[in-house]
Amino acid sequence: MYWLHRYNRLVAAATLVLITAGGLVTSTGSGLAVPDWPNTYGYFMFAFPWSGMVGGILYEHGHRLIASVVGMLTIGLVAWLAASEPRRWVRRLGWIALAAVVVQGLLGGITVLYFLPPPVSISHAGLAQVFFALVVSLAIFTSAGWLARYYRTSDGERRIAADGILRALVIALPAAIYVQILIGAAMRHTGAGLAIPDFPLAFGRLIPPVWDAGIAIHFAHRVGAVIVTLVVLATAGHVLAHHGGRRELVRPAWLLIAVVVAQVTLGALTVLSARDVTINTAHVATGAVLFATAIVLGLRTHRDRFRDIAPVGAPAPERAQA
């Protein structure tokens, strides 16, 4: 199980690289730099000459190559889970991840062939985050800490299970972040990134004095950022105040605070820099890290709800059938 967990972490890291590469494609406007699919200017994807990897082609074709690697890694993950994972629900989750990456690839192709229609492009961005969440979850489910129930005593487990406020917050948080990610994707793919060109005000006011579709999407993203930040602070503050002795909860709580501060800063700088490519891409990647961290905290908080739970003192969960 140790090496399976390590492999899961590799797939998660590769997925984050893929999301970053996708953000780079959007930030540089390179989505149609390669106008055909699944080939690249008539070449089989892996046969395209490196000498042609220039400008937007480098970003778009590089994104496709990384996506192919992630797809192959996911096939390997599913095969490994099928061969060695005794929990049926974990194996099924692996198959769901594989289905998600296949659909994701098809959406990417449709996006190119139909000249970047916003609904498809937004769906492509949203599904990427779902796939990332699935892979991160699998990494959690195969970790030593998860299998050992994070060494919780029965009293400690009951205390977390009885904390209704925390358990509600860790469900609300990833949901709020995901909605914010979708609004951000809509903003990028409809060209609304600079619909409000100043920050922190909107055309010099707290509320925009004029409205159109782009301004509405952009302003919704700013409001969403405030909501997500408040939920992050409420969640992390609750963990630190009431479960300060639980490292598996405290560490992602502190990480949430650090990442949300970085994310808000990057969002502000994206506007103030007129969508600098590096800053805008980092904003996309950091949003994915924030989402994944919220997923980790939520899963660890709700550890007792999963079927591979064994009573304290029972054999290790990895030996128990799902």
C-alpha atoms as a PDB file:
ATOM      1  CA  MET A   1       0.000   0.000   0.000  1.00  0.00           C
ATOM      2  CA  TYR A   2       2.967   2.312   0.612  1.00  0.00           C
ATOM      3  CA  TRP A   3       4.040   2.332  -3.032  1.00  0.00           C
ATOM      4  CA  LEU A   4       0.456   2.604  -4.278  1.00  0.00           C
ATOM      5  CA  HIS A   5       0.061   5.726  -2.141  1.00  0.00           C
ATOM      6  CA  ARG A   6       3.301   7.138  -3.547  1.00  0.00           C
ATOM      7  CA  TYR A   7       2.061   6.489  -7.068  1.00  0.00           C
ATOM      8  CA  ASN A   8      -1.226   8.212  -6.228  1.00  0.00           C
ATOM      9  CA  ARG A   9       0.718  11.253  -5.111  1.00  0.00           C
ATOM     10  CA  LEU A  10       2.624  11.232  -8.391  1.00  0.00           C
ATOM     11  CA  VAL A  11      -0.643  11.205 -10.355  1.00  0.00           C
ATOM     12  CA  ALA A  12      -1.972  14.069  -8.215  1.00  0.00           C
ATOM     13  CA  ALA A  13       1.192  16.103  -8.794  1.00  0.00           C
ATOM     14  CA  ALA A  14       1.027  15.445 -12.545  1.00  0.00           C
ATOM     15  CA  THR A  15      -2.616  16.548 -12.548  1.00  0.00           C
ATOM     16  CA  LEU A  16      -1.696  19.827 -10.870  1.00  0.00           C
ATOM     17  CA  VAL A  17       0.951  20.358 -13.557  1.00  0.00           C
ATOM     18  CA  LEU A  18      -1.728  19.668 -16.177  1.00  0.00           C
ATOM     19  CA  ILE A  19      -4.119  22.206 -14.636  1.00  0.00           C
ATOM     20  CA  THR A  20      -1.305  24.749 -14.559  1.00  0.00           C
ATOM     21  CA  ALA A  21      -0.528  24.064 -18.219  1.00  0.00           C
ATOM     22  CA  GLY A  22      -4.206  24.504 -19.060  1.00  0.00           C
ATOM     23  CA  GLY A  23      -4.207  27.824 -17.233  1.00  0.00           C
ATOM     24  CA  LEU A  24      -1.153  28.843 -19.250  1.00  0.00           C
ATOM     25  CA  VAL A  25      -2.949  28.004 -22.502  1.00  0.00           C
ATOM     26  CA  THR A  26      -5.869  30.225 -21.492  1.00  0.00           C
ATOM     27  CA  SER A  27      -3.662  33.018 -20.148  1.00  0.00           C
ATOM     28  CA  THR A  28      -1.676  33.201 -23.395  1.00  0.00           C
ATOM     29  CA  GLY A  29      -4.718  32.828 -25.659  1.00  0.00           C
ATOM     30  CA  SER A  30      -3.214  29.717 -27.232  1.00  0.00           C
ATOM     31  CA  GLY A  31      -6.319  27.545 -27.278  1.00  0.00           C
ATOM     32  CA  LEU A  32      -6.461  27.494 -31.085  1.00  0.00           C
ATOM     33  CA  ALA A  33      -2.721  27.568 -31.732  1.00  0.00           C
ATOM     34  CA  VAL A  34      -3.120  23.951 -32.860  1.00  0.00           C
ATOM     35  CA  PRO A  35      -6.342  23.933 -34.913  1.00  0.00           C
ATOM     36  CA  ASP A  36      -6.754  20.167 -35.401  1.00  0.00           C
ATOM     37  CA  TRP A  37      -7.394  17.318 -32.951  1.00  0.00           C
ATOM     38  CA  PRO A  38      -6.386  14.635 -32.019  1.00  0.00           C
ATOM     39  CA  ASN A  39      -3.488  15.236 -34.399  1.00  0.00           C
ATOM     40  CA  THR A  40      -1.204  18.269 -34.332  1.00  0.00           C
ATOM     41  CA  TYR A  41      -0.937  19.894 -37.749  1.00  0.00           C
ATOM     42  CA  GLY A  42      -1.533  16.460 -39.234  1.00  0.00           C
ATOM     43  CA  TYR A  43       1.136  14.748 -37.152  1.00  0.00           C
ATOM     44  CA  PHE A  44       0.434  11.987 -34.666  1.00  0.00           C
ATOM     45  CA  MET A  45       0.606  13.754 -31.316  1.00  0.00           C
ATOM     46  CA  PHE A  46       3.868  12.192 -30.149  1.00  0.00           C
ATOM     47  CA  ALA A  47       5.483  12.512 -33.602  1.00  0.00           C
ATOM     48  CA  PHE A  48       5.140  16.293 -33.867  1.00  0.00           C
ATOM     49  CA  PRO A  49       8.677  17.724 -34.322  1.00  0.00           C
ATOM     50  CA  TRP A  50      10.142  19.589 -31.371  1.00  0.00           C
ATOM     51  CA  SER A  51      11.351  22.266 -33.769  1.00  0.00           C
ATOM     52  CA  GLY A  52       7.713  23.240 -34.256  1.00  0.00           C
ATOM     53  CA  MET A  53       7.133  23.820 -30.543  1.00  0.00           C
ATOM     54  CA  VAL A  54       7.173  27.607 -30.695  1.00  0.00           C
ATOM     55  CA  GLY A  55       4.847  30.354 -29.471  1.00  0.00           C
ATOM     56  CA  GLY A  56       1.298  29.248 -28.751  1.00  0.00           C
ATOM     57  CA  ILE A  57       1.967  25.814 -30.248  1.00  0.00           C
ATOM     58  CA  LEU A  58       4.375  25.145 -27.392  1.00  0.00           C
ATOM     59  CA  TYR A  59       1.654  25.847 -24.819  1.00  0.00           C
ATOM     60  CA  GLU A  60      -1.226  24.055 -26.548  1.00  0.00           C
ATOM     61  CA  HIS A  61       0.708  21.019 -27.785  1.00  0.00           C
ATOM     62  CA  GLY A  62       2.590  20.824 -24.483  1.00  0.00           C
ATOM     63  CA  HIS A  63      -0.764  20.795 -22.708  1.00  0.00           C
ATOM     64  CA  ARG A  64      -1.864  17.873 -24.873  1.00  0.00           C
ATOM     65  CA  LEU A  65       1.304  15.935 -24.168  1.00  0.00           C
ATOM     66  CA  ILE A  66       0.953  16.427 -20.407  1.00  0.00           C
ATOM     67  CA  ALA A  67      -2.710  15.391 -20.634  1.00  0.00           C
ATOM     68  CA  SER A  68      -1.674  12.184 -22.421  1.00  0.00           C
ATOM     69  CA  VAL A  69       0.856  11.405 -19.697  1.00  0.00           C
ATOM     70  CA  VAL A  70      -1.788  11.983 -16.998  1.00  0.00           C
ATOM     71  CA  GLY A  71      -4.165   9.701 -18.871  1.00  0.00           C
ATOM     72  CA  MET A  72      -1.578   6.918 -19.024  1.00  0.00           C
ATOM     73  CA  LEU A  73      -0.724   7.390 -15.347  1.00  0.00           C
ATOM     74  CA  THR A  74      -4.437   7.087 -14.537  1.00  0.00           C
ATOM     75  CA  ILE A  75      -4.681   3.817 -16.456  1.00  0.00           C
ATOM     76  CA  GLY A  76      -1.738   2.567 -14.414  1.00  0.00           C
ATOM     77  CA  LEU A  77      -3.434   3.687 -11.211  1.00  0.00           C
ATOM     78  CA  VAL A  78      -6.662   1.848 -12.046  1.00  0.00           C
ATOM     79  CA  ALA A  79      -4.726  -1.313 -12.899  1.00  0.00           C
ATOM     80  CA  TRP A  80      -2.786  -1.104  -9.624  1.00  0.00           C
ATOM     81  CA  LEU A  81      -5.960  -0.561  -7.615  1.00  0.00           C
ATOM     82  CA  ALA A  82      -7.642  -3.513  -9.352  1.00  0.00           C
ATOM     83  CA  ALA A  83      -4.686  -5.755  -8.515  1.00  0.00           C
ATOM     84  CA  SER A  84      -4.010  -4.809  -4.904  1.00  0.00           C
ATOM     85  CA  GLU A  85      -6.779  -2.697  -3.363  1.00  0.00           C
ATOM     86  CA  PRO A  86      -9.197  -4.787  -1.257  1.00  0.00           C
ATOM     87  CA  ARG A  87     -11.796  -2.024  -0.777  1.00  0.00           C
ATOM     88  CA  ARG A  88     -14.369  -2.217  -3.556  1.00  0.00           C
ATOM     89  CA  TRP A  89     -15.444   1.424  -3.208  1.00  0.00           C
ATOM     90  CA  VAL A  90     -11.854   2.607  -3.655  1.00  0.00           C
ATOM     91  CA  ARG A  91     -11.471   0.517  -6.808  1.00  0.00           C
ATOM     92  CA  ARG A  92     -14.708   1.985  -8.146  1.00  0.00           C
ATOM     93  CA  LEU A  93     -13.463   5.471  -7.419  1.00  0.00           C
ATOM     94  CA  GLY A  94     -10.416   4.685  -9.536  1.00  0.00           C
ATOM     95  CA  TRP A  95     -12.663   3.726 -12.456  1.00  0.00           C
ATOM     96  CA  ILE A  96     -14.622   6.959 -11.997  1.00  0.00           C
ATOM     97  CA  ALA A  97     -11.348   8.896 -12.160  1.00  0.00           C
ATOM     98  CA  LEU A  98     -10.433   7.092 -15.383  1.00  0.00           C
ATOM     99  CA  ALA A  99     -13.835   7.886 -16.901  1.00  0.00           C
ATOM    100  CA  ALA A 100     -13.401  11.526 -15.874  1.00  0.00           C
ATOM    101  CA  VAL A 101     -10.000  11.844 -17.553  1.00  0.00           C
ATOM    102  CA  VAL A 102     -11.341  10.272 -20.752  1.00  0.00           C
ATOM    103  CA  VAL A 103     -14.289  12.677 -20.855  1.00  0.00           C
ATOM    104  CA  GLN A 104     -11.907  15.503 -20.055  1.00  0.00           C
ATOM    105  CA  GLY A 105      -9.799  14.652 -23.077  1.00  0.00           C
ATOM    106  CA  LEU A 106     -12.879  14.546 -25.308  1.00  0.00           C
ATOM    107  CA  LEU A 107     -14.024  17.932 -24.007  1.00  0.00           C
ATOM    108  CA  GLY A 108     -10.593  19.328 -24.777  1.00  0.00           C
ATOM    109  CA  GLY A 109     -10.867  18.072 -28.338  1.00  0.00           C
ATOM    110  CA  ILE A 110     -14.392  19.438 -28.779  1.00  0.00           C
ATOM    111  CA  THR A 111     -13.204  22.788 -27.447  1.00  0.00           C
ATOM    112  CA  VAL A 112     -10.649  23.013 -30.256  1.00  0.00           C
ATOM    113  CA  LEU A 113     -12.816  21.604 -33.044  1.00  0.00           C
ATOM    114  CA  TYR A 114     -15.680  23.993 -32.258  1.00  0.00           C
ATOM    115  CA  PHE A 115     -13.439  27.042 -31.756  1.00  0.00           C
ATOM    116  CA  LEU A 116     -13.545  27.421 -27.965  1.00  0.00           C
ATOM    117  CA  PRO A 117     -17.289  27.603 -27.199  1.00  0.00           C
ATOM    118  CA  PRO A 118     -17.516  29.017 -23.647  1.00  0.00           C
ATOM    119  CA  PRO A 119     -19.889  26.328 -22.249  1.00  0.00           C
ATOM    120  CA  VAL A 120     -17.564  23.536 -23.378  1.00  0.00           C
ATOM    121  CA  SER A 121     -14.429  25.378 -22.255  1.00  0.00           C
ATOM    122  CA  ILE A 122     -15.952  26.063 -18.835  1.00  0.00           C
ATOM    123  CA  SER A 123     -17.012  22.409 -18.521  1.00  0.00           C
ATOM    124  CA  HIS A 124     -13.470  21.381 -19.485  1.00  0.00           C
ATOM    125  CA  ALA A 125     -12.050  23.554 -16.687  1.00  0.00           C
ATOM    126  CA  GLY A 126     -14.619  22.362 -14.162  1.00  0.00           C
ATOM    127  CA  LEU A 127     -14.107  18.664 -14.895  1.00  0.00           C
ATOM    128  CA  ALA A 128     -10.343  19.116 -14.546  1.00  0.00           C
ATOM    129  CA  GLN A 129     -10.888  20.165 -10.937  1.00  0.00           C
ATOM    130  CA  VAL A 130     -13.236  17.226 -10.305  1.00  0.00           C
ATOM    131  CA  PHE A 131     -10.609  14.832 -11.644  1.00  0.00           C
ATOM    132  CA  PHE A 132      -7.966  16.471  -9.450  1.00  0.00           C
ATOM    133  CA  ALA A 133     -10.234  16.063  -6.425  1.00  0.00           C
ATOM    134  CA  LEU A 134     -10.745  12.367  -7.249  1.00  0.00           C
ATOM    135  CA  VAL A 135      -7.016  11.697  -7.541  1.00  0.00           C
ATOM    136  CA  VAL A 136      -6.246  13.605  -4.337  1.00  0.00           C
ATOM    137  CA  SER A 137      -8.986  11.636  -2.574  1.00  0.00           C
ATOM    138  CA  LEU A 138      -7.480   8.357  -3.747  1.00  0.00           C
ATOM    139  CA  ALA A 139      -4.119   9.485  -2.391  1.00  0.00           C
ATOM    140  CA  ILE A 140      -5.772  10.127   0.973  1.00  0.00           C
ATOM    141  CA  PHE A 141      -7.588   6.779   0.958  1.00  0.00           C
ATOM    142  CA  THR A 142      -4.342   4.856   0.381  1.00  0.00           C
ATOM    143  CA  SER A 143      -2.281   6.803   2.934  1.00  0.00           C
ATOM    144  CA  ALA A 144      -0.956   5.269   6.146  1.00  0.00           C
ATOM    145  CA  GLY A 145      -2.691   7.904   8.240  1.00  0.00           C
ATOM    146  CA  TRP A 146      -6.091   7.114   6.731  1.00  0.00           C
ATOM    147  CA  LEU A 147      -5.643   3.381   7.198  1.00  0.00           C
ATOM    148  CA  ALA A 148      -4.624   3.928  10.835  1.00  0.00           C
ATOM    149  CA  ARG A 149      -7.569   6.321  11.390  1.00  0.00           C
ATOM    150  CA  TYR A 150      -4.936   8.990  12.163  1.00  0.00           C
ATOM    151  CA  TYR A 151      -4.316   7.141  15.453  1.00  0.00           C
ATOM    152  CA  ARG A 152      -7.460   8.535  16.990  1.00  0.00           C
ATOM    153  CA  THR A 153      -8.662   7.139  20.287  1.00  0.00           C
ATOM    154  CA  SER A 154     -12.329   6.290  20.548  1.00  0.00           C
ATOM    155  CA  ASP A 155     -12.867   9.459  22.615  1.00  0.00           C
ATOM    156  CA  GLY A 156     -11.035  11.611  20.076  1.00  0.00           C
ATOM    157  CA  GLU A 157     -13.001  10.112  17.230  1.00  0.00           C
ATOM    158  CA  ARG A 158     -16.290  10.717  19.022  1.00  0.00           C
ATOM    159  CA  ARG A 159     -15.300  14.320  19.708  1.00  0.00           C
ATOM    160  CA  ILE A 160     -14.744  15.035  16.015  1.00  0.00           C
ATOM    161  CA  ALA A 161     -17.869  13.101  15.045  1.00  0.00           C
ATOM    162  CA  ALA A 162     -19.905  15.169  17.521  1.00  0.00           C
ATOM    163  CA  ASP A 163     -18.630  18.497  16.175  1.00  0.00           C
ATOM    164  CA  GLY A 164     -21.529  19.311  13.889  1.00  0.00           C
ATOM    165  CA  ILE A 165     -20.264  22.807  13.127  1.00  0.00           C
ATOM    166  CA  LEU A 166     -16.919  21.559  11.822  1.00  0.00           C
ATOM    167  CA  ARG A 167     -18.475  18.734   9.847  1.00  0.00           C
ATOM    168  CA  ALA A 168     -20.846  21.178   8.160  1.00  0.00           C
ATOM    169  CA  LEU A 169     -18.101  23.703   7.463  1.00  0.00           C
ATOM    170  CA  VAL A 170     -15.794  21.167   5.779  1.00  0.00           C
ATOM    171  CA  ILE A 171     -18.623  20.210   3.417  1.00  0.00           C
ATOM    172  CA  ALA A 172     -19.588  23.797   2.655  1.00  0.00           C
ATOM    173  CA  LEU A 173     -16.004  24.895   2.030  1.00  0.00           C
ATOM    174  CA  PRO A 174     -15.077  22.725  -1.000  1.00  0.00           C
ATOM    175  CA  ALA A 175     -18.538  23.360  -2.453  1.00  0.00           C
ATOM    176  CA  ALA A 176     -18.015  27.134  -2.176  1.00  0.00           C
ATOM    177  CA  ILE A 177     -14.519  26.873  -3.668  1.00  0.00           C
ATOM    178  CA  TYR A 178     -15.766  24.786  -6.581  1.00  0.00           C
ATOM    179  CA  VAL A 179     -18.514  27.282  -7.409  1.00  0.00           C
ATOM    180  CA  GLN A 180     -15.886  30.018  -7.282  1.00  0.00           C
ATOM    181  CA  ILE A 181     -13.671  28.002  -9.645  1.00  0.00           C
ATOM    182  CA  LEU A 182     -16.544  27.681 -12.122  1.00  0.00           C
ATOM    183  CA  ILE A 183     -17.229  31.419 -11.967  1.00  0.00           C
ATOM    184  CA  GLY A 184     -13.521  32.042 -12.518  1.00  0.00           C
ATOM    185  CA  ALA A 185     -13.565  29.712 -15.527  1.00  0.00           C
ATOM    186  CA  ALA A 186     -16.579  31.556 -16.911  1.00  0.00           C
ATOM    187  CA  MET A 187     -14.731  34.838 -16.433  1.00  0.00           C
ATOM    188  CA  ARG A 188     -11.649  33.583 -18.307  1.00  0.00           C
ATOM    189  CA  HIS A 189     -13.496  31.926 -21.157  1.00  0.00           C
ATOM    190  CA  THR A 190     -15.886  34.827 -21.788  1.00  0.00           C
ATOM    191  CA  GLY A 191     -13.127  37.445 -21.756  1.00  0.00           C
ATOM    192  CA  ALA A 192     -14.406  39.095 -18.577  1.00  0.00           C
ATOM    193  CA  GLY A 193     -11.071  39.067 -16.740  1.00  0.00           C
ATOM    194  CA  LEU A 194     -10.700  42.833 -17.034  1.00  0.00           C
ATOM    195  CA  ALA A 195     -14.373  43.739 -17.269  1.00  0.00           C
ATOM    196  CA  ILE A 196     -13.732  45.626 -14.014  1.00  0.00           C
ATOM    197  CA  PRO A 197     -10.275  47.151 -14.519  1.00  0.00           C
ATOM    198  CA  ASP A 198      -9.583  48.472 -11.008  1.00  0.00           C
ATOM    199  CA  PHE A 199      -9.156  46.836  -7.600  1.00  0.00           C
ATOM    200  CA  PRO A 200     -10.298  46.718  -4.815  1.00  0.00           C
ATOM    201  CA  LEU A 201     -13.027  49.097  -6.021  1.00  0.00           C
ATOM    202  CA  ALA A 202     -15.137  48.589  -9.145  1.00  0.00           C
ATOM    203  CA  PHE A 203     -14.960  51.638 -11.393  1.00  0.00           C
ATOM    204  CA  GLY A 204     -14.056  53.636  -8.322  1.00  0.00           C
ATOM    205  CA  ARG A 205     -17.072  52.430  -6.331  1.00  0.00           C
ATOM    206  CA  LEU A 206     -17.949  49.579  -4.031  1.00  0.00           C
ATOM    207  CA  ILE A 207     -20.689  48.386  -6.427  1.00  0.00           C
ATOM    208  CA  PRO A 208     -20.236  48.785 -10.198  1.00  0.00           C
ATOM    209  CA  PRO A 209     -22.249  51.773 -11.469  1.00  0.00           C
ATOM    210  CA  VAL A 210     -22.793  50.086 -14.844  1.00  0.00           C
ATOM    211  CA  TRP A 211     -23.561  46.490 -15.697  1.00  0.00           C
ATOM    212  CA  ASP A 212     -23.260  44.042 -18.547  1.00  0.00           C
ATOM    213  CA  ALA A 213     -22.697  40.271 -18.681  1.00  0.00           C
ATOM    214  CA  GLY A 214     -18.914  40.557 -18.311  1.00  0.00           C
ATOM    215  CA  ILE A 215     -19.112  42.950 -15.383  1.00  0.00           C
ATOM    216  CA  ALA A 216     -21.680  40.706 -13.662  1.00  0.00           C
ATOM    217  CA  ILE A 217     -19.469  37.612 -13.995  1.00  0.00           C
ATOM    218  CA  HIS A 218     -16.371  39.483 -12.848  1.00  0.00           C
ATOM    219  CA  PHE A 219     -18.132  41.046  -9.857  1.00  0.00           C
ATOM    220  CA  ALA A 220     -19.637  37.658  -8.917  1.00  0.00           C
ATOM    221  CA  HIS A 221     -16.100  36.271  -8.821  1.00  0.00           C
ATOM    222  CA  ARG A 222     -15.022  39.025  -6.443  1.00  0.00           C
ATOM    223  CA  VAL A 223     -18.006  38.422  -4.176  1.00  0.00           C
ATOM    224  CA  GLY A 224     -17.257  34.700  -4.304  1.00  0.00           C
ATOM    225  CA  ALA A 225     -13.680  35.402  -3.225  1.00  0.00           C
ATOM    226  CA  VAL A 226     -14.958  37.199  -0.132  1.00  0.00           C
ATOM    227  CA  ILE A 227     -17.330  34.330   0.698  1.00  0.00           C
ATOM    228  CA  VAL A 228     -14.645  31.666   0.229  1.00  0.00           C
ATOM    229  CA  THR A 229     -12.171  33.618   2.354  1.00  0.00           C
ATOM    230  CA  LEU A 230     -14.682  33.961   5.188  1.00  0.00           C
ATOM    231  CA  VAL A 231     -15.556  30.248   5.070  1.00  0.00           C
ATOM    232  CA  VAL A 232     -11.847  29.330   5.040  1.00  0.00           C
ATOM    233  CA  LEU A 233     -11.189  31.524   8.087  1.00  0.00           C
ATOM    234  CA  ALA A 234     -14.235  30.138   9.894  1.00  0.00           C
ATOM    235  CA  THR A 235     -13.246  26.539   9.157  1.00  0.00           C
ATOM    236  CA  ALA A 236      -9.562  26.906   9.972  1.00  0.00           C
ATOM    237  CA  GLY A 237     -10.315  28.982  13.064  1.00  0.00           C
ATOM    238  CA  HIS A 238     -12.720  26.347  14.339  1.00  0.00           C
ATOM    239  CA  VAL A 239     -10.147  23.595  13.821  1.00  0.00           C
ATOM    240  CA  LEU A 240      -7.410  25.538  15.609  1.00  0.00           C
ATOM    241  CA  ALA A 241      -9.687  26.520  18.479  1.00  0.00           C
ATOM    242  CA  HIS A 242     -11.346  23.153  19.103  1.00  0.00           C
ATOM    243  CA  HIS A 243      -9.051  20.476  17.654  1.00  0.00           C
ATOM    244  CA  GLY A 244      -5.590  21.935  18.069  1.00  0.00           C
ATOM    245  CA  GLY A 245      -4.170  18.560  19.098  1.00  0.00           C
ATOM    246  CA  ARG A 246      -5.185  16.826  15.853  1.00  0.00           C
ATOM    247  CA  ARG A 247      -2.281  17.276  13.428  1.00  0.00           C
ATOM    248  CA  GLU A 248      -4.205  15.737  10.536  1.00  0.00           C
ATOM    249  CA  LEU A 249      -6.692  18.601  10.834  1.00  0.00           C
ATOM    250  CA  VAL A 250      -4.423  21.426  11.991  1.00  0.00           C
ATOM    251  CA  ARG A 251      -1.941  21.104   9.124  1.00  0.00           C
ATOM    252  CA  PRO A 252      -4.494  21.464   6.289  1.00  0.00           C
ATOM    253  CA  ALA A 253      -6.203  24.238   8.301  1.00  0.00           C
ATOM    254  CA  TRP A 254      -3.009  26.299   8.357  1.00  0.00           C
ATOM    255  CA  LEU A 255      -2.408  25.489   4.693  1.00  0.00           C
ATOM    256  CA  LEU A 256      -5.898  26.724   3.845  1.00  0.00           C
ATOM    257  CA  ILE A 257      -5.140  30.076   5.456  1.00  0.00           C
ATOM    258  CA  ALA A 258      -1.815  30.436   3.649  1.00  0.00           C
ATOM    259  CA  VAL A 259      -3.215  29.421   0.259  1.00  0.00           C
ATOM    260  CA  VAL A 260      -6.317  31.621   0.446  1.00  0.00           C
ATOM    261  CA  VAL A 261      -4.127  34.637   1.277  1.00  0.00           C
ATOM    262  CA  ALA A 262      -1.936  33.820  -1.719  1.00  0.00           C
ATOM    263  CA  GLN A 263      -4.992  33.286  -3.917  1.00  0.00           C
ATOM    264  CA  VAL A 264      -6.633  36.599  -3.032  1.00  0.00           C
ATOM    265  CA  THR A 265      -3.315  38.376  -3.581  1.00  0.00           C
ATOM    266  CA  LEU A 266      -2.870  36.730  -6.975  1.00  0.00           C
ATOM    267  CA  GLY A 267      -6.437  37.632  -7.932  1.00  0.00           C
ATOM    268  CA  ALA A 268      -5.806  41.289  -7.115  1.00  0.00           C
ATOM    269  CA  LEU A 269      -2.501  41.279  -8.977  1.00  0.00           C
ATOM    270  CA  THR A 270      -4.141  39.653 -11.999  1.00  0.00           C
ATOM    271  CA  VAL A 271      -6.371  42.703 -12.377  1.00  0.00           C
ATOM    272  CA  LEU A 272      -3.729  45.295 -11.454  1.00  0.00           C
ATOM    273  CA  SER A 273      -1.216  43.747 -13.890  1.00  0.00           C
ATOM    274  CA  ALA A 274      -3.809  43.607 -16.688  1.00  0.00           C
ATOM    275  CA  ARG A 275      -3.755  39.799 -16.614  1.00  0.00           C
ATOM    276  CA  ASP A 276      -0.039  39.144 -16.561  1.00  0.00           C
ATOM    277  CA  VAL A 277       0.448  35.627 -17.901  1.00  0.00           C
ATOM    278  CA  THR A 278       2.519  34.324 -14.980  1.00  0.00           C
ATOM    279  CA  ILE A 279       0.255  35.796 -12.316  1.00  0.00           C
ATOM    280  CA  ASN A 280      -2.935  34.674 -14.035  1.00  0.00           C
ATOM    281  CA  THR A 281      -1.632  31.124 -14.457  1.00  0.00           C
ATOM    282  CA  ALA A 282      -0.486  30.989 -10.831  1.00  0.00           C
ATOM    283  CA  HIS A 283      -3.982  32.117  -9.808  1.00  0.00           C
ATOM    284  CA  VAL A 284      -5.483  29.111 -11.607  1.00  0.00           C
ATOM    285  CA  ALA A 285      -3.014  26.662 -10.045  1.00  0.00           C
ATOM    286  CA  THR A 286      -3.414  28.080  -6.539  1.00  0.00           C
ATOM    287  CA  GLY A 287      -7.187  27.772  -6.820  1.00  0.00           C
ATOM    288  CA  ALA A 288      -6.736  24.067  -7.515  1.00  0.00           C
ATOM    289  CA  VAL A 289      -4.458  23.706  -4.469  1.00  0.00           C
ATOM    290  CA  LEU A 290      -7.037  25.469  -2.301  1.00  0.00           C
ATOM    291  CA  PHE A 291      -9.774  23.132  -3.550  1.00  0.00           C
ATOM    292  CA  ALA A 292      -7.644  20.033  -2.955  1.00  0.00           C
ATOM    293  CA  THR A 293      -6.701  21.167   0.564  1.00  0.00           C
ATOM    294  CA  ALA A 294     -10.369  21.665   1.430  1.00  0.00           C
ATOM    295  CA  ILE A 295     -11.105  18.153   0.131  1.00  0.00           C
ATOM    296  CA  VAL A 296      -8.328  16.720   2.316  1.00  0.00           C
ATOM    297  CA  LEU A 297      -9.629  18.458   5.436  1.00  0.00           C
ATOM    298  CA  GLY A 298     -13.179  17.337   4.700  1.00  0.00           C
ATOM    299  CA  LEU A 299     -12.215  13.697   4.203  1.00  0.00           C
ATOM    300  CA  ARG A 300     -10.085  13.581   7.336  1.00  0.00           C
ATOM    301  CA  THR A 301     -12.858  15.151   9.395  1.00  0.00           C
ATOM    302  CA  HIS A 302     -15.418  12.616   8.130  1.00  0.00           C
ATOM    303  CA  ARG A 303     -13.079   9.606   8.415  1.00  0.00           C
ATOM    304  CA  ASP A 304     -15.556   7.740  10.618  1.00  0.00           C
ATOM    305  CA  ARG A 305     -18.207   7.686   7.876  1.00  0.00           C
ATOM    306  CA  PHE A 306     -16.277   5.361   5.575  1.00  0.00           C
ATOM    307  CA  ARG A 307     -16.929   1.636   5.465  1.00  0.00           C
ATOM    308  CA  ASP A 308     -13.375   0.487   6.018  1.00  0.00           C
ATOM    309  CA  ILE A 309     -13.584   1.725   9.595  1.00  0.00           C
ATOM    310  CA  ALA A 310     -12.666  -0.899  12.175  1.00  0.00           C
ATOM    311  CA  PRO A 311     -13.196  -0.632  15.938  1.00  0.00           C
ATOM    312  CA  VAL A 312     -10.257   0.521  18.024  1.00  0.00           C
ATOM    313  CA  GLY A 313      -7.904  -2.434  18.521  1.00  0.00           C
ATOM    314  CA  ALA A 314      -9.207  -4.323  15.474  1.00  0.00           C
ATOM    315  CA  PRO A 315      -6.894  -5.480  12.656  1.00  0.00           C
ATOM    316  CA  ALA A 316      -5.543  -2.760  10.369  1.00  0.00           C
ATOM    317  CA  PRO A 317      -8.165  -1.516   7.876  1.00  0.00           C
ATOM    318  CA  GLU A 318      -6.055  -2.469   4.859  1.00  0.00           C
ATOM    319  CA  ARG A 319      -6.751  -6.112   5.690  1.00  0.00           C
ATOM    320  CA  ALA A 320     -10.500  -5.570   5.943  1.00  0.00           C
ATOM    321  CA  GLN A 321     -12.701  -6.155   2.918  1.00  0.00           C
ATOM    322  CA  ALA A 322     -14.939  -3.279   1.727  1.00  0.00           C
END
